[in-house]
Amino acid sequence: MKVLSFVLIAIVLTLSSCYFTNNASNEVAPGDTIQTASGLKYLYIKRGDGLKIERGCKVGTYLSLKVKDSVVWNTNELPDSLFSFIADSTRLIKGFTEVSLLLREGDEIVAILPDSLAYGAKGAGDVIPPHATLVYDVFKVVRVEAPEEAIELSGEVK
């Protein structure tokens, strides 16, 4: 009888530890780096609790983009300089679209996009060289509006 009680207690403890371990691993703490299958890396500075970004949402962000430790684009410090776009409709680089669809209003992250998700072998003019890794050292989602019913193919909202 004592052996049976011991076995039952061991099973209950094992199952409960598996339950709590799995739930804890689904929570990502600020500062933990997440990597997607595509090679995109990002980490949360702050978790938001607003509307999740979905295809068609109108999104407003503050951004700072670095290439090789040099800032090449910054809307973060300029008043009224929100970068706005329609999620998964506005023509943006693949990595920007991928990371934005993982976020919600109030999120603040750092995102690292490999060249395969950015401008690749061509680069972008004189600003972004070929095969450059892009680092959004500031990516703040400050506004998310629900998707419009109809999105034109050009990426504009009717």
N, C-alpha and C. Protein backbone atom coordinates (compact mmCIF):
# COMPACT_ATOMS: atom_id res chain seq x y z
N MET A 1 0.83 -1.19 0.00
CA MET A 1 0.00 0.00 0.00
C MET A 1 0.87 1.25 0.00
N LYS A 2 1.97 1.22 0.79
CA LYS A 2 2.85 2.38 0.85
C LYS A 2 3.52 2.60 -0.51
N VAL A 3 3.85 1.53 -1.19
CA VAL A 3 4.49 1.64 -2.51
C VAL A 3 3.52 2.28 -3.50
N LEU A 4 2.27 1.84 -3.48
CA LEU A 4 1.25 2.39 -4.37
C LEU A 4 1.05 3.88 -4.09
N SER A 5 0.97 4.27 -2.83
CA SER A 5 0.83 5.68 -2.46
C SER A 5 2.03 6.49 -2.96
N PHE A 6 3.22 5.94 -2.80
CA PHE A 6 4.43 6.61 -3.24
C PHE A 6 4.42 6.81 -4.77
N VAL A 7 4.02 5.78 -5.50
CA VAL A 7 3.97 5.85 -6.96
C VAL A 7 2.95 6.89 -7.40
N LEU A 8 1.78 6.92 -6.78
CA LEU A 8 0.75 7.90 -7.13
C LEU A 8 1.23 9.33 -6.86
N ILE A 9 1.88 9.55 -5.74
CA ILE A 9 2.41 10.88 -5.41
C ILE A 9 3.47 11.28 -6.43
N ALA A 10 4.34 10.37 -6.78
CA ALA A 10 5.39 10.65 -7.77
C ALA A 10 4.78 11.02 -9.13
N ILE A 11 3.74 10.30 -9.53
CA ILE A 11 3.08 10.59 -10.81
C ILE A 11 2.44 11.97 -10.78
N VAL A 12 1.73 12.29 -9.71
CA VAL A 12 1.08 13.59 -9.58
C VAL A 12 2.11 14.72 -9.61
N LEU A 13 3.20 14.57 -8.88
CA LEU A 13 4.26 15.59 -8.87
C LEU A 13 4.89 15.74 -10.25
N THR A 14 5.13 14.66 -10.92
CA THR A 14 5.73 14.71 -12.26
C THR A 14 4.80 15.42 -13.24
N LEU A 15 3.53 15.04 -13.24
CA LEU A 15 2.57 15.67 -14.15
C LEU A 15 2.38 17.15 -13.84
N SER A 16 2.31 17.51 -12.58
CA SER A 16 2.12 18.92 -12.24
C SER A 16 3.36 19.74 -12.59
N SER A 17 4.55 19.17 -12.44
CA SER A 17 5.76 19.92 -12.80
C SER A 17 5.83 20.11 -14.31
N CYS A 18 5.37 19.13 -15.09
CA CYS A 18 5.33 19.29 -16.54
C CYS A 18 4.33 20.37 -16.93
N TYR A 19 3.20 20.42 -16.27
CA TYR A 19 2.18 21.42 -16.57
C TYR A 19 2.71 22.82 -16.31
N PHE A 20 3.31 23.05 -15.17
CA PHE A 20 3.81 24.38 -14.84
C PHE A 20 5.02 24.76 -15.68
N THR A 21 5.86 23.82 -16.03
CA THR A 21 7.01 24.10 -16.88
C THR A 21 6.56 24.53 -18.26
N ASN A 22 5.60 23.83 -18.85
CA ASN A 22 5.12 24.18 -20.19
C ASN A 22 4.46 25.54 -20.19
N ASN A 23 3.66 25.86 -19.20
CA ASN A 23 3.02 27.17 -19.15
C ASN A 23 4.03 28.27 -18.99
N ALA A 24 5.04 28.06 -18.17
CA ALA A 24 6.05 29.09 -17.95
C ALA A 24 6.85 29.36 -19.21
N SER A 25 7.11 28.34 -20.02
CA SER A 25 7.92 28.55 -21.21
C SER A 25 7.17 29.33 -22.28
N ASN A 26 5.82 29.36 -22.21
CA ASN A 26 5.05 30.14 -23.17
C ASN A 26 5.11 31.64 -22.88
N GLU A 27 5.46 32.00 -21.67
CA GLU A 27 5.58 33.40 -21.30
C GLU A 27 6.99 33.86 -21.62
N VAL A 28 7.09 34.97 -22.34
CA VAL A 28 8.39 35.52 -22.70
C VAL A 28 8.61 36.76 -21.86
N ALA A 29 9.67 36.76 -21.10
CA ALA A 29 9.97 37.90 -20.23
C ALA A 29 10.70 38.97 -21.03
N PRO A 30 10.51 40.24 -20.65
CA PRO A 30 11.29 41.30 -21.29
C PRO A 30 12.77 40.97 -21.22
N GLY A 31 13.46 41.18 -22.33
CA GLY A 31 14.89 40.89 -22.39
C GLY A 31 15.22 39.53 -22.98
N ASP A 32 14.23 38.62 -23.06
CA ASP A 32 14.46 37.31 -23.68
C ASP A 32 14.46 37.47 -25.20
N THR A 33 15.46 36.94 -25.87
CA THR A 33 15.53 37.01 -27.33
C THR A 33 14.74 35.86 -27.93
N ILE A 34 13.91 36.20 -28.90
CA ILE A 34 13.09 35.22 -29.60
C ILE A 34 13.60 35.17 -31.03
N GLN A 35 13.73 33.97 -31.59
CA GLN A 35 14.13 33.84 -32.99
C GLN A 35 13.08 33.03 -33.72
N THR A 36 12.64 33.56 -34.86
CA THR A 36 11.65 32.85 -35.66
C THR A 36 12.37 31.93 -36.65
N ALA A 37 11.61 31.08 -37.31
CA ALA A 37 12.18 30.14 -38.28
C ALA A 37 12.87 30.87 -39.44
N SER A 38 12.44 32.09 -39.75
CA SER A 38 13.02 32.84 -40.86
C SER A 38 14.36 33.47 -40.52
N GLY A 39 14.70 33.50 -39.24
CA GLY A 39 15.96 34.13 -38.81
C GLY A 39 15.76 35.48 -38.15
N LEU A 40 14.55 35.99 -38.14
CA LEU A 40 14.23 37.23 -37.45
C LEU A 40 14.46 37.05 -35.96
N LYS A 41 15.11 38.02 -35.32
CA LYS A 41 15.28 37.99 -33.86
C LYS A 41 14.66 39.25 -33.28
N TYR A 42 14.02 39.10 -32.12
CA TYR A 42 13.48 40.27 -31.45
C TYR A 42 13.42 39.99 -29.96
N LEU A 43 13.42 41.09 -29.21
CA LEU A 43 13.26 40.97 -27.76
C LEU A 43 12.38 42.09 -27.26
N TYR A 44 11.60 41.77 -26.26
CA TYR A 44 10.68 42.74 -25.69
C TYR A 44 11.39 43.62 -24.68
N ILE A 45 11.19 44.91 -24.81
CA ILE A 45 11.60 45.88 -23.81
C ILE A 45 10.41 46.09 -22.87
N LYS A 46 9.22 46.14 -23.48
CA LYS A 46 7.99 46.32 -22.72
C LYS A 46 6.87 45.58 -23.46
N ARG A 47 6.04 44.86 -22.70
CA ARG A 47 4.89 44.16 -23.27
C ARG A 47 3.67 45.05 -23.19
N GLY A 48 2.98 45.18 -24.30
CA GLY A 48 1.75 45.96 -24.33
C GLY A 48 0.55 45.07 -24.06
N ASP A 49 -0.60 45.70 -23.88
CA ASP A 49 -1.82 44.92 -23.66
C ASP A 49 -2.95 45.40 -24.57
N GLY A 50 -2.59 46.13 -25.61
CA GLY A 50 -3.59 46.65 -26.54
C GLY A 50 -3.96 45.66 -27.63
N LEU A 51 -4.61 46.19 -28.64
CA LEU A 51 -5.08 45.40 -29.77
C LEU A 51 -3.91 44.74 -30.51
N LYS A 52 -4.05 43.46 -30.84
CA LYS A 52 -3.03 42.73 -31.59
C LYS A 52 -3.05 43.19 -33.04
N ILE A 53 -1.87 43.31 -33.63
CA ILE A 53 -1.78 43.70 -35.03
C ILE A 53 -2.15 42.50 -35.90
N GLU A 54 -3.10 42.73 -36.80
CA GLU A 54 -3.53 41.72 -37.75
C GLU A 54 -3.49 42.34 -39.14
N ARG A 55 -3.59 41.50 -40.16
CA ARG A 55 -3.61 41.99 -41.53
C ARG A 55 -4.72 43.04 -41.65
N GLY A 56 -4.37 44.19 -42.20
CA GLY A 56 -5.35 45.25 -42.42
C GLY A 56 -5.44 46.28 -41.32
N CYS A 57 -4.81 46.04 -40.17
CA CYS A 57 -4.82 47.04 -39.10
C CYS A 57 -4.01 48.25 -39.53
N LYS A 58 -4.48 49.41 -39.15
CA LYS A 58 -3.71 50.64 -39.35
C LYS A 58 -2.84 50.79 -38.10
N VAL A 59 -1.51 50.90 -38.30
CA VAL A 59 -0.56 50.86 -37.20
C VAL A 59 0.29 52.12 -37.20
N GLY A 60 0.53 52.66 -36.01
CA GLY A 60 1.43 53.79 -35.84
C GLY A 60 2.58 53.40 -34.93
N THR A 61 3.81 53.63 -35.38
CA THR A 61 4.99 53.23 -34.62
C THR A 61 6.01 54.36 -34.56
N TYR A 62 6.86 54.28 -33.54
CA TYR A 62 8.08 55.07 -33.49
C TYR A 62 9.21 54.09 -33.73
N LEU A 63 10.13 54.46 -34.61
CA LEU A 63 11.20 53.56 -35.01
C LEU A 63 12.56 54.25 -35.00
N SER A 64 13.58 53.47 -34.77
CA SER A 64 14.96 53.89 -34.99
C SER A 64 15.66 52.71 -35.64
N LEU A 65 16.18 52.94 -36.85
CA LEU A 65 16.82 51.89 -37.62
C LEU A 65 18.32 52.13 -37.69
N LYS A 66 19.08 51.08 -37.35
CA LYS A 66 20.53 51.15 -37.41
C LYS A 66 21.05 50.11 -38.40
N VAL A 67 22.13 50.49 -39.08
CA VAL A 67 22.88 49.57 -39.92
C VAL A 67 24.34 49.77 -39.54
N LYS A 68 24.99 48.71 -39.13
CA LYS A 68 26.39 48.77 -38.69
C LYS A 68 26.61 49.86 -37.64
N ASP A 69 25.76 49.88 -36.63
CA ASP A 69 25.84 50.81 -35.50
C ASP A 69 25.64 52.27 -35.86
N SER A 70 25.19 52.58 -37.05
CA SER A 70 24.89 53.96 -37.43
C SER A 70 23.39 54.09 -37.66
N VAL A 71 22.79 55.11 -37.06
CA VAL A 71 21.37 55.35 -37.24
C VAL A 71 21.15 55.86 -38.67
N VAL A 72 20.27 55.18 -39.41
CA VAL A 72 19.97 55.59 -40.78
C VAL A 72 18.56 56.16 -40.92
N TRP A 73 17.74 55.92 -39.90
CA TRP A 73 16.38 56.43 -39.95
C TRP A 73 15.84 56.45 -38.54
N ASN A 74 15.23 57.58 -38.14
CA ASN A 74 14.75 57.71 -36.76
C ASN A 74 13.50 58.56 -36.73
N THR A 75 12.40 57.98 -36.30
CA THR A 75 11.18 58.75 -36.08
C THR A 75 10.92 58.88 -34.59
N ASN A 76 11.78 58.31 -33.79
CA ASN A 76 11.56 58.22 -32.36
C ASN A 76 11.65 59.56 -31.63
N GLU A 77 12.50 60.45 -32.09
CA GLU A 77 12.74 61.69 -31.35
C GLU A 77 12.06 62.90 -31.96
N LEU A 78 11.38 62.74 -33.06
CA LEU A 78 10.74 63.86 -33.73
C LEU A 78 9.28 63.97 -33.30
N PRO A 79 8.83 65.17 -32.94
CA PRO A 79 7.41 65.30 -32.57
C PRO A 79 6.52 65.03 -33.78
N ASP A 80 5.41 64.40 -33.53
CA ASP A 80 4.44 64.07 -34.58
C ASP A 80 5.06 63.31 -35.74
N SER A 81 5.95 62.40 -35.44
CA SER A 81 6.66 61.67 -36.51
C SER A 81 6.34 60.19 -36.51
N LEU A 82 5.12 59.85 -36.23
CA LEU A 82 4.70 58.46 -36.24
C LEU A 82 4.87 57.87 -37.64
N PHE A 83 5.46 56.67 -37.72
CA PHE A 83 5.50 55.94 -38.98
C PHE A 83 4.24 55.10 -39.02
N SER A 84 3.36 55.37 -39.98
CA SER A 84 2.08 54.67 -40.08
C SER A 84 2.07 53.77 -41.30
N PHE A 85 1.40 52.63 -41.15
CA PHE A 85 1.29 51.68 -42.25
C PHE A 85 0.08 50.79 -42.02
N ILE A 86 -0.33 50.12 -43.09
CA ILE A 86 -1.40 49.11 -43.02
C ILE A 86 -0.70 47.76 -42.94
N ALA A 87 -0.96 47.01 -41.88
CA ALA A 87 -0.27 45.74 -41.64
C ALA A 87 -0.52 44.75 -42.77
N ASP A 88 0.57 44.20 -43.29
CA ASP A 88 0.57 43.18 -44.33
C ASP A 88 -0.06 43.65 -45.63
N SER A 89 -0.19 44.97 -45.83
CA SER A 89 -0.72 45.49 -47.08
C SER A 89 0.21 46.54 -47.67
N THR A 90 0.74 47.39 -46.81
CA THR A 90 1.68 48.39 -47.27
C THR A 90 2.93 47.67 -47.73
N ARG A 91 3.52 48.11 -48.81
CA ARG A 91 4.72 47.43 -49.33
C ARG A 91 5.92 47.77 -48.46
N LEU A 92 6.26 46.84 -47.60
CA LEU A 92 7.40 46.99 -46.71
C LEU A 92 8.27 45.74 -46.83
N ILE A 93 9.48 45.82 -46.30
CA ILE A 93 10.35 44.64 -46.38
C ILE A 93 9.75 43.49 -45.57
N LYS A 94 10.09 42.29 -45.99
CA LYS A 94 9.52 41.07 -45.42
C LYS A 94 9.69 40.99 -43.90
N GLY A 95 10.87 41.32 -43.39
CA GLY A 95 11.13 41.22 -41.95
C GLY A 95 10.32 42.20 -41.13
N PHE A 96 10.10 43.40 -41.67
CA PHE A 96 9.29 44.40 -40.97
C PHE A 96 7.85 43.90 -40.85
N THR A 97 7.33 43.37 -41.94
CA THR A 97 5.97 42.83 -41.92
C THR A 97 5.87 41.66 -40.94
N GLU A 98 6.85 40.75 -40.98
CA GLU A 98 6.82 39.59 -40.10
C GLU A 98 6.80 40.01 -38.64
N VAL A 99 7.70 40.88 -38.24
CA VAL A 99 7.78 41.26 -36.83
C VAL A 99 6.55 42.05 -36.41
N SER A 100 6.04 42.92 -37.27
CA SER A 100 4.88 43.73 -36.87
C SER A 100 3.66 42.85 -36.60
N LEU A 101 3.51 41.76 -37.35
CA LEU A 101 2.36 40.88 -37.14
C LEU A 101 2.47 40.04 -35.86
N LEU A 102 3.58 40.13 -35.17
CA LEU A 102 3.77 39.42 -33.90
C LEU A 102 3.44 40.32 -32.71
N LEU A 103 3.15 41.59 -32.96
CA LEU A 103 3.07 42.58 -31.89
C LEU A 103 1.65 43.05 -31.62
N ARG A 104 1.53 43.87 -30.58
CA ARG A 104 0.26 44.49 -30.21
C ARG A 104 0.53 45.92 -29.73
N GLU A 105 -0.52 46.69 -29.63
CA GLU A 105 -0.38 48.08 -29.18
C GLU A 105 0.25 48.11 -27.79
N GLY A 106 1.26 48.96 -27.64
CA GLY A 106 1.95 49.09 -26.37
C GLY A 106 3.26 48.34 -26.31
N ASP A 107 3.48 47.41 -27.24
CA ASP A 107 4.74 46.67 -27.27
C ASP A 107 5.90 47.59 -27.64
N GLU A 108 7.03 47.35 -27.00
CA GLU A 108 8.29 48.01 -27.36
C GLU A 108 9.32 46.90 -27.49
N ILE A 109 9.95 46.82 -28.66
CA ILE A 109 10.90 45.75 -28.92
C ILE A 109 12.18 46.28 -29.56
N VAL A 110 13.16 45.42 -29.62
CA VAL A 110 14.34 45.58 -30.46
C VAL A 110 14.23 44.43 -31.46
N ALA A 111 14.40 44.73 -32.75
CA ALA A 111 14.29 43.69 -33.78
C ALA A 111 15.55 43.67 -34.64
N ILE A 112 16.00 42.46 -34.94
CA ILE A 112 17.19 42.27 -35.78
C ILE A 112 16.76 41.47 -37.00
N LEU A 113 16.87 42.09 -38.18
CA LEU A 113 16.45 41.47 -39.42
C LEU A 113 17.68 41.09 -40.24
N PRO A 114 17.86 39.80 -40.54
CA PRO A 114 18.96 39.42 -41.42
C PRO A 114 18.71 39.96 -42.83
N ASP A 115 19.74 40.04 -43.63
CA ASP A 115 19.60 40.62 -44.97
C ASP A 115 18.55 39.90 -45.81
N SER A 116 18.34 38.60 -45.57
CA SER A 116 17.35 37.84 -46.33
C SER A 116 15.93 38.33 -46.07
N LEU A 117 15.70 39.03 -44.96
CA LEU A 117 14.39 39.59 -44.65
C LEU A 117 14.36 41.10 -44.85
N ALA A 118 15.46 41.64 -45.35
CA ALA A 118 15.57 43.09 -45.52
C ALA A 118 15.79 43.42 -47.00
N TYR A 119 16.94 44.00 -47.34
CA TYR A 119 17.19 44.45 -48.70
C TYR A 119 18.12 43.53 -49.49
N GLY A 120 18.59 42.46 -48.85
CA GLY A 120 19.36 41.43 -49.53
C GLY A 120 20.62 41.91 -50.22
N ALA A 121 20.93 41.28 -51.35
CA ALA A 121 22.17 41.56 -52.07
C ALA A 121 22.17 42.93 -52.75
N LYS A 122 21.00 43.50 -52.96
CA LYS A 122 20.92 44.80 -53.65
C LYS A 122 21.15 45.98 -52.71
N GLY A 123 20.80 45.84 -51.44
CA GLY A 123 20.86 46.98 -50.54
C GLY A 123 19.77 47.98 -50.90
N ALA A 124 19.90 49.20 -50.38
CA ALA A 124 18.93 50.25 -50.67
C ALA A 124 19.66 51.58 -50.86
N GLY A 125 20.01 51.83 -52.09
CA GLY A 125 20.69 53.09 -52.42
C GLY A 125 22.02 53.23 -51.70
N ASP A 126 22.33 54.46 -51.30
CA ASP A 126 23.57 54.75 -50.59
C ASP A 126 23.43 54.55 -49.09
N VAL A 127 22.20 54.30 -48.62
CA VAL A 127 21.95 54.25 -47.19
C VAL A 127 22.19 52.86 -46.59
N ILE A 128 21.70 51.83 -47.27
CA ILE A 128 21.81 50.47 -46.74
C ILE A 128 22.62 49.63 -47.73
N PRO A 129 23.80 49.19 -47.31
CA PRO A 129 24.67 48.42 -48.21
C PRO A 129 24.12 47.01 -48.47
N PRO A 130 24.62 46.35 -49.51
CA PRO A 130 24.22 44.97 -49.77
C PRO A 130 24.51 44.07 -48.56
N HIS A 131 23.64 43.11 -48.36
CA HIS A 131 23.77 42.09 -47.30
C HIS A 131 23.81 42.69 -45.90
N ALA A 132 23.18 43.82 -45.70
CA ALA A 132 23.18 44.48 -44.38
C ALA A 132 22.14 43.86 -43.45
N THR A 133 22.53 43.67 -42.22
CA THR A 133 21.60 43.29 -41.15
C THR A 133 21.00 44.59 -40.61
N LEU A 134 19.68 44.64 -40.49
CA LEU A 134 19.01 45.83 -39.98
C LEU A 134 18.68 45.62 -38.51
N VAL A 135 18.89 46.67 -37.72
CA VAL A 135 18.56 46.61 -36.30
C VAL A 135 17.62 47.77 -35.98
N TYR A 136 16.40 47.42 -35.62
CA TYR A 136 15.46 48.41 -35.10
C TYR A 136 15.71 48.46 -33.60
N ASP A 137 16.53 49.41 -33.16
CA ASP A 137 16.83 49.47 -31.73
C ASP A 137 15.70 50.14 -30.96
N VAL A 138 14.80 50.79 -31.67
CA VAL A 138 13.54 51.28 -31.10
C VAL A 138 12.44 50.86 -32.05
N PHE A 139 11.46 50.13 -31.54
CA PHE A 139 10.28 49.74 -32.31
C PHE A 139 9.13 49.76 -31.32
N LYS A 140 8.45 50.92 -31.25
CA LYS A 140 7.34 51.11 -30.30
C LYS A 140 6.02 51.14 -31.07
N VAL A 141 5.12 50.27 -30.70
CA VAL A 141 3.79 50.26 -31.31
C VAL A 141 2.89 51.14 -30.44
N VAL A 142 2.55 52.31 -30.96
CA VAL A 142 1.78 53.26 -30.16
C VAL A 142 0.31 53.33 -30.53
N ARG A 143 -0.03 52.83 -31.74
CA ARG A 143 -1.44 52.87 -32.13
C ARG A 143 -1.74 51.69 -33.05
N VAL A 144 -2.84 51.00 -32.76
CA VAL A 144 -3.33 49.93 -33.63
C VAL A 144 -4.83 50.13 -33.77
N GLU A 145 -5.27 50.29 -35.02
CA GLU A 145 -6.69 50.43 -35.30
C GLU A 145 -7.17 49.17 -35.99
N ALA A 146 -8.38 48.76 -35.67
CA ALA A 146 -8.95 47.53 -36.24
C ALA A 146 -8.91 47.58 -37.76
N PRO A 147 -8.80 46.41 -38.39
CA PRO A 147 -8.74 46.37 -39.86
C PRO A 147 -9.98 46.94 -40.52
N GLU A 148 -9.77 47.60 -41.64
CA GLU A 148 -10.90 48.06 -42.46
C GLU A 148 -11.45 46.85 -43.19
N GLU A 149 -12.69 46.92 -43.61
CA GLU A 149 -13.28 45.78 -44.31
C GLU A 149 -12.64 45.55 -45.67
N ALA A 150 -12.34 46.63 -46.38
CA ALA A 150 -11.80 46.46 -47.73
C ALA A 150 -10.45 47.14 -47.84
N ILE A 151 -9.46 46.39 -48.25
CA ILE A 151 -8.13 46.95 -48.49
C ILE A 151 -7.83 46.78 -49.97
N GLU A 152 -7.54 47.87 -50.64
CA GLU A 152 -7.23 47.79 -52.05
C GLU A 152 -5.90 47.08 -52.25
N LEU A 153 -5.70 46.54 -53.41
CA LEU A 153 -4.47 45.84 -53.71
C LEU A 153 -3.24 46.73 -53.58
N SER A 154 -3.42 48.03 -53.77
CA SER A 154 -2.28 48.95 -53.69
C SER A 154 -1.83 49.18 -52.25
N GLY A 155 -2.61 48.69 -51.30
CA GLY A 155 -2.24 48.88 -49.90
C GLY A 155 -2.93 50.08 -49.28
N GLU A 156 -3.79 50.74 -50.01
CA GLU A 156 -4.49 51.90 -49.48
C GLU A 156 -5.85 51.46 -48.92
N VAL A 157 -6.27 52.11 -47.87
CA VAL A 157 -7.57 51.83 -47.28
C VAL A 157 -8.61 52.67 -48.00
N LYS A 158 -9.73 52.05 -48.34
CA LYS A 158 -10.82 52.80 -49.02
C LYS A 158 -11.45 53.79 -48.07
